[in-house]
């Protein structure tokens, strides 16, 4: 595959990478090219040996190239390193990295895949910012920050899920989101509810007490429960 990105071409000799460049932005450009060339299907896992063999056709140091793709966040792997998958859209996909919706026509109708970027989630509020970025780009209004609103969204009556026969939501960097929506964020969320007279103080006081006693669920767990109530929406955690 001949790269179109000049930042990549300059580091190749007869189409082969002799060494990873030193500058971060050039390393990223090369890693994106390698990732697409060796893992053309986004999120499709590949065994370590097969990935290394594919990289050996493009790079003098396939193991170093594989490690660089992981270190630069273009490719993720299982903890034991047995499987690798590409997590980032690139210019070689014909999509920009900001495009978060993929449509595929199948015999069962339109299959729509939406990508949530867990790195953008650092609080309850930013979780809904990310939902709006992905699901509500075509709407002239934003989703409110509530679990009921998320439930309505997943019903598919509006937003990016509307009109699809099958929906898959891929939540990238979920571990980061789970930490961001953990105990501290959930406690702050309940305290904010208690400080707002519009909400049922007794209800949220009880939930806060359960959380602090170790019986309550974190906001991340509550979100997963909402998804679980929609078996027609496949949630993939990466």
Protein backbone atom coordinates (compact mmCIF):
# COMPACT_ATOMS: atom_id res chain seq x y z
CA UNK A 1 0.00 0.00 0.00
CA UNK A 2 1.53 3.32 -1.03
CA UNK A 3 0.84 5.98 1.58
CA UNK A 4 -0.48 9.36 0.47
CA UNK A 5 0.74 11.14 3.59
CA UNK A 6 4.09 12.84 2.83
CA UNK A 7 5.03 12.56 6.50
CA UNK A 8 5.03 8.79 5.97
CA UNK A 9 6.58 8.57 2.52
CA UNK A 10 9.73 10.39 3.59
CA UNK A 11 10.55 7.60 6.07
CA UNK A 12 10.17 4.74 3.59
CA UNK A 13 12.72 3.18 1.27
CA UNK A 14 11.12 1.35 -1.63
CA UNK A 15 7.89 1.27 0.35
CA UNK A 16 9.50 -0.21 3.47
CA UNK A 17 10.04 1.40 6.86
CA UNK A 18 13.67 1.14 7.92
CA UNK A 19 13.27 2.83 11.33
CA UNK A 20 10.59 4.68 13.27
CA UNK A 21 11.13 8.47 13.15
CA UNK A 22 12.05 10.34 16.31
CA UNK A 23 9.54 13.19 16.32
CA UNK A 24 6.23 12.33 17.94
CA UNK A 25 4.00 13.64 15.15
CA UNK A 26 5.97 11.66 12.55
CA UNK A 27 5.84 8.51 14.68
CA UNK A 28 2.07 8.95 14.95
CA UNK A 29 1.72 9.35 11.19
CA UNK A 30 3.78 6.22 10.53
CA UNK A 31 1.90 4.25 13.21
CA UNK A 32 -1.44 5.18 11.63
CA UNK A 33 -0.26 4.01 8.22
CA UNK A 34 1.12 0.74 9.60
CA UNK A 35 -2.03 0.12 11.64
CA UNK A 36 -4.33 0.52 8.65
CA UNK A 37 -2.07 -1.49 6.35
CA UNK A 38 -1.84 -4.44 8.74
CA UNK A 39 -5.23 -4.17 10.47
CA UNK A 40 -7.55 -2.90 7.72
CA UNK A 41 -10.75 -3.75 9.60
CA UNK A 42 -11.39 -1.45 12.53
CA UNK A 43 -11.77 -3.29 15.87
CA UNK A 44 -11.20 -6.69 14.23
CA UNK A 45 -8.80 -8.71 16.45
CA UNK A 46 -5.68 -10.34 15.02
CA UNK A 47 -3.24 -12.76 16.63
CA UNK A 48 0.21 -11.54 17.61
CA UNK A 49 2.10 -13.83 15.22
CA UNK A 50 -0.01 -12.89 12.20
CA UNK A 51 0.28 -9.17 12.97
CA UNK A 52 4.06 -9.49 13.31
CA UNK A 53 4.25 -11.34 9.99
CA UNK A 54 2.24 -8.58 8.28
CA UNK A 55 4.45 -5.90 9.80
CA UNK A 56 7.57 -7.75 8.66
CA UNK A 57 6.50 -7.09 5.07
CA UNK A 58 6.49 -3.34 5.74
CA UNK A 59 9.04 -2.68 8.47
CA UNK A 60 12.61 -3.76 9.18
CA UNK A 61 11.78 -4.05 12.88
CA UNK A 62 8.26 -5.52 13.04
CA UNK A 63 8.32 -6.07 16.80
CA UNK A 64 9.38 -2.47 17.42
CA UNK A 65 6.72 -1.23 14.99
CA UNK A 66 4.07 -3.31 16.76
CA UNK A 67 5.11 -1.89 20.11
CA UNK A 68 5.07 1.66 18.73
CA UNK A 69 1.51 1.27 17.43
CA UNK A 70 0.38 0.24 20.91
CA UNK A 71 2.40 2.91 22.72
CA UNK A 72 0.97 5.60 20.44
CA UNK A 73 -2.60 4.45 21.04
CA UNK A 74 -3.41 3.49 17.46
CA UNK A 75 -3.67 -0.20 18.32
CA UNK A 76 -4.82 -1.92 21.51
CA UNK A 77 -4.02 -5.41 22.70
CA UNK A 78 -5.21 -7.94 25.24
CA UNK A 79 -3.34 -7.99 28.53
CA UNK A 80 -1.44 -11.14 27.56
CA UNK A 81 -0.58 -9.73 24.13
CA UNK A 82 -2.29 -12.60 22.31
CA UNK A 83 -4.56 -10.37 20.19
CA UNK A 84 -4.36 -6.86 18.73
CA UNK A 85 -6.98 -4.62 17.15
CA UNK A 86 -7.00 -1.16 15.59
CA UNK A 87 -9.04 1.40 17.50
CA UNK A 88 -8.54 4.53 15.44
CA UNK A 89 -9.97 5.63 12.11
CA UNK A 90 -7.31 7.02 9.80
CA UNK A 91 -7.11 9.02 6.61
CA UNK A 92 -6.61 5.71 4.78
CA UNK A 93 -10.11 4.57 5.72
CA UNK A 94 -11.65 7.31 3.64
CA UNK A 95 -12.99 8.78 6.88
CA UNK A 96 -11.64 11.47 9.13
CA UNK A 97 -10.83 10.55 12.75
CA UNK A 98 -13.74 12.74 13.87
CA UNK A 99 -16.31 10.64 12.00
CA UNK A 100 -17.91 8.38 14.55
CA UNK A 101 -20.71 6.67 12.61
CA UNK A 102 -20.28 3.73 10.26
CA UNK A 103 -23.17 2.37 8.19
CA UNK A 104 -23.21 -1.07 6.58
CA UNK A 105 -26.11 -2.42 4.54
CA UNK A 106 -26.71 -6.09 5.34
CA UNK A 107 -29.33 -8.68 4.45
CA UNK A 108 -31.00 -7.79 7.75
CA UNK A 109 -31.08 -4.07 7.01
CA UNK A 110 -28.92 -1.13 8.03
CA UNK A 111 -26.29 -1.88 10.66
CA UNK A 112 -25.02 1.34 12.24
CA UNK A 113 -21.92 1.40 14.44
CA UNK A 114 -21.24 4.38 16.70
CA UNK A 115 -17.94 5.04 18.46
CA UNK A 116 -17.69 6.63 21.92
CA UNK A 117 -14.25 7.96 22.87
CA UNK A 118 -13.75 7.12 26.54
CA UNK A 119 -10.75 9.43 26.73
CA UNK A 120 -13.15 12.36 26.49
CA UNK A 121 -15.08 11.21 29.57
CA UNK A 122 -13.65 12.71 32.75
CA UNK A 123 -16.91 13.36 34.63
CA UNK A 124 -20.64 12.72 34.45
CA UNK A 125 -21.10 15.96 32.51
CA UNK A 126 -18.46 15.09 29.90
CA UNK A 127 -20.04 11.64 29.44
CA UNK A 128 -23.15 13.39 28.14
CA UNK A 129 -20.97 15.75 26.08
CA UNK A 130 -19.59 12.66 24.36
CA UNK A 131 -23.05 11.20 23.83
CA UNK A 132 -24.12 14.46 22.22
CA UNK A 133 -21.01 14.54 20.03
CA UNK A 134 -21.67 11.04 18.71
CA UNK A 135 -25.45 10.63 18.77
CA UNK A 136 -26.79 14.15 18.35
CA UNK A 137 -24.61 15.69 15.65
CA UNK A 138 -27.54 15.84 13.24
CA UNK A 139 -30.00 17.28 15.76
CA UNK A 140 -30.58 20.93 16.65
CA UNK A 141 -30.82 20.18 20.36
CA UNK A 142 -28.71 18.39 22.97
CA UNK A 143 -29.44 15.43 25.17
CA UNK A 144 -29.94 16.33 28.82
CA UNK A 145 -27.59 14.87 31.45
CA UNK A 146 -29.78 12.11 32.86
CA UNK A 147 -30.07 8.35 32.72
CA UNK A 148 -33.68 8.69 31.57
CA UNK A 149 -32.45 10.72 28.62
CA UNK A 150 -29.90 8.01 27.79
CA UNK A 151 -32.68 5.43 27.94
CA UNK A 152 -34.79 7.48 25.53
CA UNK A 153 -31.81 7.87 23.20
CA UNK A 154 -31.23 4.12 23.01
CA UNK A 155 -34.86 3.55 22.05
CA UNK A 156 -33.83 5.05 18.71
CA UNK A 157 -36.61 7.54 18.20
CA UNK A 158 -34.11 10.34 17.53
CA UNK A 159 -30.40 10.88 17.15
CA UNK A 160 -27.90 8.73 15.28
CA UNK A 161 -29.57 5.46 16.25
CA UNK A 162 -32.80 6.49 14.52
CA UNK A 163 -33.51 4.61 11.31
CA UNK A 164 -31.01 1.80 11.90
CA UNK A 165 -32.19 -1.81 11.99
CA UNK A 166 -29.26 -2.82 14.15
CA UNK A 167 -27.05 -0.61 16.34
CA UNK A 168 -23.63 -1.31 17.81
CA UNK A 169 -22.04 1.14 20.23
CA UNK A 170 -18.28 0.70 20.62
CA UNK A 171 -17.05 2.35 23.80
CA UNK A 172 -13.32 2.86 23.38
CA UNK A 173 -11.03 3.28 26.41
CA UNK A 174 -13.87 2.12 28.62
CA UNK A 175 -11.54 1.55 31.58
CA UNK A 176 -10.85 5.29 31.64
CA UNK A 177 -14.55 6.08 31.55
CA UNK A 178 -15.29 3.56 34.28
CA UNK A 179 -12.70 5.21 36.52
CA UNK A 180 -13.99 8.69 35.66
CA UNK A 181 -17.56 7.62 36.46
CA UNK A 182 -16.59 5.79 39.62
CA UNK A 183 -17.15 6.42 43.32
CA UNK A 184 -15.92 10.03 43.45
CA UNK A 185 -17.90 11.18 40.43
CA UNK A 186 -21.03 9.35 41.60
CA UNK A 187 -20.78 10.86 45.07
CA UNK A 188 -20.38 14.35 43.58
CA UNK A 189 -23.38 13.68 41.34
CA UNK A 190 -25.59 12.75 44.31
CA UNK A 191 -24.39 15.73 46.36
CA UNK A 192 -25.30 18.02 43.48
CA UNK A 193 -28.79 16.49 43.37
CA UNK A 194 -29.16 17.05 47.11
CA UNK A 195 -28.25 20.69 46.62
CA UNK A 196 -30.94 21.21 43.99
CA UNK A 197 -34.48 21.65 45.39
CA UNK A 198 -36.01 20.34 42.18
CA UNK A 199 -34.98 16.77 43.06
CA UNK A 200 -36.22 14.30 45.66
CA UNK A 201 -33.79 14.81 48.54
CA UNK A 202 -34.82 11.64 50.37
CA UNK A 203 -34.25 9.52 47.26
CA UNK A 204 -30.76 10.82 46.59
CA UNK A 205 -29.83 10.86 50.27
CA UNK A 206 -30.59 7.15 50.35
CA UNK A 207 -28.59 6.47 47.20
CA UNK A 208 -25.65 8.42 48.57
CA UNK A 209 -25.81 6.45 51.83
CA UNK A 210 -25.83 3.16 49.91
CA UNK A 211 -22.87 4.28 47.82
CA UNK A 212 -20.82 5.28 50.83
CA UNK A 213 -21.70 2.00 52.56
CA UNK A 214 -20.44 0.03 49.57
CA UNK A 215 -23.88 -1.16 48.53
CA UNK A 216 -24.61 1.42 45.86
CA UNK A 217 -23.71 1.36 42.20
CA UNK A 218 -21.35 3.78 40.53
CA UNK A 219 -22.52 5.97 37.67
CA UNK A 220 -20.62 3.76 35.24
CA UNK A 221 -22.54 0.74 36.51
CA UNK A 222 -25.83 2.61 36.19
CA UNK A 223 -25.02 3.50 32.59
CA UNK A 224 -24.24 -0.14 31.78
CA UNK A 225 -27.58 -1.14 33.28
CA UNK A 226 -29.37 1.27 30.95
CA UNK A 227 -27.59 -0.28 27.97
CA UNK A 228 -28.44 -3.77 29.25
CA UNK A 229 -32.13 -2.82 29.18
CA UNK A 230 -31.79 -2.44 25.39
CA UNK A 231 -30.89 -5.90 24.03
CA UNK A 232 -31.33 -4.56 20.51
CA UNK A 233 -28.33 -2.26 21.06
CA UNK A 234 -25.02 -4.12 21.15
CA UNK A 235 -22.48 -2.52 23.48
CA UNK A 236 -18.82 -3.36 22.87
CA UNK A 237 -16.37 -2.29 25.58
CA UNK A 238 -12.80 -1.71 24.45
